[in-house]
Amino acid sequence: MERNERIWQGLGYAGLLPFIIATTMAWTGLKLTWLNAEFAFISYSAVILSFISGTLWGRAIALSTSSTTGRLLIQSNLFSILAWIALLLNQQLISLAILAVGYLSLLAIERKAKELCLNQDYISMRLRLTLVAITLHLLMLIHQFFGG
């Protein structure tokens, strides 16, 4: 494995830590006066969804001659707007659901857009990261739904 691949994989998996920490805090009832676990989770999720959609933007720009470039650019922006809306809502259940659907939809777009020519290791990592992130979103939804 080359050095750059280790870096992006390490950063990808390390990116799960804030999700894991916030979920653990919510489920164990750990409270910090300066940190709300649910808001931390939702805001981090919105930032990461927007970040990942930005990578879609970058790859679409690189495909400037592809017939799907315009669609990918629009979709990238829609995910950022979706993340922002989820962040603005004062309804944690709805925000969590929106963000979870956003992650699944973005992954589906990446997997469907074969012209993106993504590295197979990256595709595999994105699938694993997305599945863990979605699982953590579901845990937060369950926690919120049952009075967390």
C-alpha atoms as a PDB file:
ATOM      1  CA  MET A   1       0.000   0.000   0.000  1.00  0.00           C
ATOM      2  CA  GLU A   2       1.439   3.364  -0.965  1.00  0.00           C
ATOM      3  CA  ARG A   3       1.858   6.193   1.511  1.00  0.00           C
ATOM      4  CA  ASN A   4      -0.963   8.386   0.138  1.00  0.00           C
ATOM      5  CA  GLU A   5      -3.389   5.476   0.246  1.00  0.00           C
ATOM      6  CA  ARG A   6      -2.554   4.879   3.905  1.00  0.00           C
ATOM      7  CA  ILE A   7      -3.143   8.565   4.600  1.00  0.00           C
ATOM      8  CA  TRP A   8      -6.591   8.773   2.990  1.00  0.00           C
ATOM      9  CA  GLN A   9      -7.646   5.475   4.513  1.00  0.00           C
ATOM     10  CA  GLY A  10      -6.435   6.548   7.955  1.00  0.00           C
ATOM     11  CA  LEU A  11      -8.233   9.872   7.668  1.00  0.00           C
ATOM     12  CA  GLY A  12     -11.378   8.141   6.439  1.00  0.00           C
ATOM     13  CA  TYR A  13     -11.556   5.748   9.377  1.00  0.00           C
ATOM     14  CA  ALA A  14     -10.503   8.421  11.880  1.00  0.00           C
ATOM     15  CA  GLY A  15     -13.434  10.465  10.568  1.00  0.00           C
ATOM     16  CA  LEU A  16     -15.768   7.988  12.247  1.00  0.00           C
ATOM     17  CA  LEU A  17     -14.476   8.886  15.720  1.00  0.00           C
ATOM     18  CA  PRO A  18     -16.669  11.982  16.257  1.00  0.00           C
ATOM     19  CA  PHE A  19     -19.732   9.921  15.258  1.00  0.00           C
ATOM     20  CA  ILE A  20     -18.743   7.136  17.651  1.00  0.00           C
ATOM     21  CA  ILE A  21     -17.933   9.513  20.516  1.00  0.00           C
ATOM     22  CA  ALA A  22     -21.187  11.486  20.159  1.00  0.00           C
ATOM     23  CA  THR A  23     -23.255   8.292  19.905  1.00  0.00           C
ATOM     24  CA  THR A  24     -21.553   6.821  22.961  1.00  0.00           C
ATOM     25  CA  MET A  25     -22.133  10.039  24.898  1.00  0.00           C
ATOM     26  CA  ALA A  26     -25.810  10.098  23.970  1.00  0.00           C
ATOM     27  CA  TRP A  27     -26.430   6.456  24.860  1.00  0.00           C
ATOM     28  CA  THR A  28     -24.473   6.524  28.132  1.00  0.00           C
ATOM     29  CA  GLY A  29     -25.910   9.851  29.222  1.00  0.00           C
ATOM     30  CA  LEU A  30     -22.459  11.421  29.488  1.00  0.00           C
ATOM     31  CA  LYS A  31     -22.975  15.170  29.632  1.00  0.00           C
ATOM     32  CA  LEU A  32     -20.463  17.946  29.205  1.00  0.00           C
ATOM     33  CA  THR A  33     -21.554  21.502  29.964  1.00  0.00           C
ATOM     34  CA  TRP A  34     -20.011  22.765  26.738  1.00  0.00           C
ATOM     35  CA  LEU A  35     -21.097  19.926  24.431  1.00  0.00           C
ATOM     36  CA  ASN A  36     -24.477  18.557  23.425  1.00  0.00           C
ATOM     37  CA  ALA A  37     -23.907  15.064  21.994  1.00  0.00           C
ATOM     38  CA  GLU A  38     -26.915  15.146  19.667  1.00  0.00           C
ATOM     39  CA  PHE A  39     -26.025  18.541  18.205  1.00  0.00           C
ATOM     40  CA  ALA A  40     -22.381  17.494  17.897  1.00  0.00           C
ATOM     41  CA  PHE A  41     -23.444  14.395  15.967  1.00  0.00           C
ATOM     42  CA  ILE A  42     -25.821  16.233  13.633  1.00  0.00           C
ATOM     43  CA  SER A  43     -23.470  19.135  12.951  1.00  0.00           C
ATOM     44  CA  TYR A  44     -20.516  16.819  12.301  1.00  0.00           C
ATOM     45  CA  SER A  45     -22.676  14.667  10.049  1.00  0.00           C
ATOM     46  CA  ALA A  46     -23.758  17.715   8.040  1.00  0.00           C
ATOM     47  CA  VAL A  47     -20.148  18.852   7.639  1.00  0.00           C
ATOM     48  CA  ILE A  48     -18.987  15.401   6.523  1.00  0.00           C
ATOM     49  CA  LEU A  49     -21.874  14.902   4.091  1.00  0.00           C
ATOM     50  CA  SER A  50     -21.064  18.274   2.567  1.00  0.00           C
ATOM     51  CA  PHE A  51     -17.349  17.390   2.439  1.00  0.00           C
ATOM     52  CA  ILE A  52     -17.975  14.070   0.704  1.00  0.00           C
ATOM     53  CA  SER A  53     -20.309  15.714  -1.788  1.00  0.00           C
ATOM     54  CA  GLY A  54     -17.511  18.201  -2.448  1.00  0.00           C
ATOM     55  CA  THR A  55     -15.282  15.338  -3.521  1.00  0.00           C
ATOM     56  CA  LEU A  56     -17.999  14.422  -6.019  1.00  0.00           C
ATOM     57  CA  TRP A  57     -17.800  17.994  -7.307  1.00  0.00           C
ATOM     58  CA  GLY A  58     -14.034  17.718  -7.717  1.00  0.00           C
ATOM     59  CA  ARG A  59     -14.257  14.442  -9.601  1.00  0.00           C
ATOM     60  CA  ALA A  60     -17.031  15.823 -11.814  1.00  0.00           C
ATOM     61  CA  ILE A  61     -14.863  18.817 -12.726  1.00  0.00           C
ATOM     62  CA  ALA A  62     -12.115  16.413 -13.744  1.00  0.00           C
ATOM     63  CA  LEU A  63     -14.649  14.794 -16.111  1.00  0.00           C
ATOM     64  CA  SER A  64     -15.408  18.061 -17.874  1.00  0.00           C
ATOM     65  CA  THR A  65     -16.066  16.232 -21.145  1.00  0.00           C
ATOM     66  CA  SER A  66     -18.425  13.634 -19.672  1.00  0.00           C
ATOM     67  CA  SER A  67     -22.123  13.868 -20.471  1.00  0.00           C
ATOM     68  CA  THR A  68     -22.921  13.467 -16.753  1.00  0.00           C
ATOM     69  CA  THR A  69     -20.659  16.251 -15.475  1.00  0.00           C
ATOM     70  CA  GLY A  70     -23.476  18.792 -15.127  1.00  0.00           C
ATOM     71  CA  ARG A  71     -25.710  16.326 -13.303  1.00  0.00           C
ATOM     72  CA  LEU A  72     -22.913  15.396 -10.881  1.00  0.00           C
ATOM     73  CA  LEU A  73     -22.152  19.066 -10.180  1.00  0.00           C
ATOM     74  CA  ILE A  74     -25.816  19.793  -9.415  1.00  0.00           C
ATOM     75  CA  GLN A  75     -26.139  16.693  -7.240  1.00  0.00           C
ATOM     76  CA  SER A  76     -23.013  17.685  -5.324  1.00  0.00           C
ATOM     77  CA  ASN A  77     -24.518  21.069  -4.506  1.00  0.00           C
ATOM     78  CA  LEU A  78     -27.862  19.536  -3.573  1.00  0.00           C
ATOM     79  CA  PHE A  79     -26.170  17.333  -0.969  1.00  0.00           C
ATOM     80  CA  SER A  80     -24.485  20.365   0.587  1.00  0.00           C
ATOM     81  CA  ILE A  81     -27.808  22.199   0.727  1.00  0.00           C
ATOM     82  CA  LEU A  82     -29.484  19.106   2.178  1.00  0.00           C
ATOM     83  CA  ALA A  83     -26.815  18.923   4.887  1.00  0.00           C
ATOM     84  CA  TRP A  84     -27.271  22.611   5.661  1.00  0.00           C
ATOM     85  CA  ILE A  85     -31.056  22.223   5.948  1.00  0.00           C
ATOM     86  CA  ALA A  86     -30.603  19.260   8.299  1.00  0.00           C
ATOM     87  CA  LEU A  87     -28.329  21.426  10.420  1.00  0.00           C
ATOM     88  CA  LEU A  88     -30.834  24.292  10.561  1.00  0.00           C
ATOM     89  CA  LEU A  89     -33.815  22.194  11.594  1.00  0.00           C
ATOM     90  CA  ASN A  90     -34.723  22.098  15.223  1.00  0.00           C
ATOM     91  CA  GLN A  91     -36.003  18.537  14.852  1.00  0.00           C
ATOM     92  CA  GLN A  92     -33.262  16.032  15.631  1.00  0.00           C
ATOM     93  CA  LEU A  93     -35.201  12.991  14.373  1.00  0.00           C
ATOM     94  CA  ILE A  94     -35.831  14.616  11.002  1.00  0.00           C
ATOM     95  CA  SER A  95     -32.266  15.899  10.754  1.00  0.00           C
ATOM     96  CA  LEU A  96     -30.821  12.468  11.488  1.00  0.00           C
ATOM     97  CA  ALA A  97     -33.114  10.838   8.929  1.00  0.00           C
ATOM     98  CA  ILE A  98     -32.260  13.419   6.257  1.00  0.00           C
ATOM     99  CA  LEU A  99     -28.550  12.976   6.831  1.00  0.00           C
ATOM    100  CA  ALA A 100     -28.737   9.171   6.798  1.00  0.00           C
ATOM    101  CA  VAL A 101     -30.643   9.229   3.505  1.00  0.00           C
ATOM    102  CA  GLY A 102     -28.098  11.719   2.183  1.00  0.00           C
ATOM    103  CA  TYR A 103     -25.200   9.353   2.887  1.00  0.00           C
ATOM    104  CA  LEU A 104     -26.971   6.423   1.251  1.00  0.00           C
ATOM    105  CA  SER A 105     -27.941   8.487  -1.789  1.00  0.00           C
ATOM    106  CA  LEU A 106     -24.462   9.886  -2.257  1.00  0.00           C
ATOM    107  CA  LEU A 107     -22.953   6.414  -2.074  1.00  0.00           C
ATOM    108  CA  ALA A 108     -25.465   5.184  -4.649  1.00  0.00           C
ATOM    109  CA  ILE A 109     -24.538   8.028  -7.006  1.00  0.00           C
ATOM    110  CA  GLU A 110     -20.833   7.310  -6.620  1.00  0.00           C
ATOM    111  CA  ARG A 111     -21.329   3.612  -7.275  1.00  0.00           C
ATOM    112  CA  LYS A 112     -23.598   4.236 -10.268  1.00  0.00           C
ATOM    113  CA  ALA A 113     -21.374   6.852 -11.928  1.00  0.00           C
ATOM    114  CA  LYS A 114     -18.882   4.427 -13.428  1.00  0.00           C
ATOM    115  CA  GLU A 115     -17.207   7.246 -15.349  1.00  0.00           C
ATOM    116  CA  LEU A 116     -15.822   8.574 -12.057  1.00  0.00           C
ATOM    117  CA  CYS A 117     -13.162   5.852 -12.329  1.00  0.00           C
ATOM    118  CA  LEU A 118     -12.781   5.598  -8.596  1.00  0.00           C
ATOM    119  CA  ASN A 119     -10.060   3.477  -7.056  1.00  0.00           C
ATOM    120  CA  GLN A 120     -11.553   0.127  -5.975  1.00  0.00           C
ATOM    121  CA  ASP A 121      -9.944   0.470  -2.529  1.00  0.00           C
ATOM    122  CA  TYR A 122     -11.629   3.852  -2.150  1.00  0.00           C
ATOM    123  CA  ILE A 123     -15.004   2.431  -3.201  1.00  0.00           C
ATOM    124  CA  SER A 124     -14.650  -0.396  -0.670  1.00  0.00           C
ATOM    125  CA  MET A 125     -13.639   2.012   2.081  1.00  0.00           C
ATOM    126  CA  ARG A 126     -16.543   4.372   1.270  1.00  0.00           C
ATOM    127  CA  LEU A 127     -18.964   1.471   1.509  1.00  0.00           C
ATOM    128  CA  ARG A 128     -17.619   0.434   4.923  1.00  0.00           C
ATOM    129  CA  LEU A 129     -17.528   4.003   6.232  1.00  0.00           C
ATOM    130  CA  THR A 130     -21.048   4.684   4.987  1.00  0.00           C
ATOM    131  CA  LEU A 131     -22.422   1.512   6.561  1.00  0.00           C
ATOM    132  CA  VAL A 132     -20.880   2.403   9.922  1.00  0.00           C
ATOM    133  CA  ALA A 133     -22.076   6.012   9.669  1.00  0.00           C
ATOM    134  CA  ILE A 134     -25.610   4.884   8.775  1.00  0.00           C
ATOM    135  CA  THR A 135     -25.617   2.406  11.659  1.00  0.00           C
ATOM    136  CA  LEU A 136     -24.601   5.192  14.040  1.00  0.00           C
ATOM    137  CA  HIS A 137     -27.317   7.451  12.591  1.00  0.00           C
ATOM    138  CA  LEU A 138     -29.843   4.679  13.235  1.00  0.00           C
ATOM    139  CA  LEU A 139     -28.598   4.300  16.810  1.00  0.00           C
ATOM    140  CA  MET A 140     -29.015   8.044  17.340  1.00  0.00           C
ATOM    141  CA  LEU A 141     -32.500   7.896  15.766  1.00  0.00           C
ATOM    142  CA  ILE A 142     -33.485   5.050  18.106  1.00  0.00           C
ATOM    143  CA  HIS A 143     -32.072   6.934  21.080  1.00  0.00           C
ATOM    144  CA  GLN A 144     -33.988  10.090  20.137  1.00  0.00           C
ATOM    145  CA  PHE A 145     -37.198   8.223  19.296  1.00  0.00           C
ATOM    146  CA  PHE A 146     -37.302   6.519  22.680  1.00  0.00           C
ATOM    147  CA  GLY A 147     -36.777   9.713  24.598  1.00  0.00           C
ATOM    148  CA  GLY A 148     -33.012  10.131  24.576  1.00  0.00           C
END
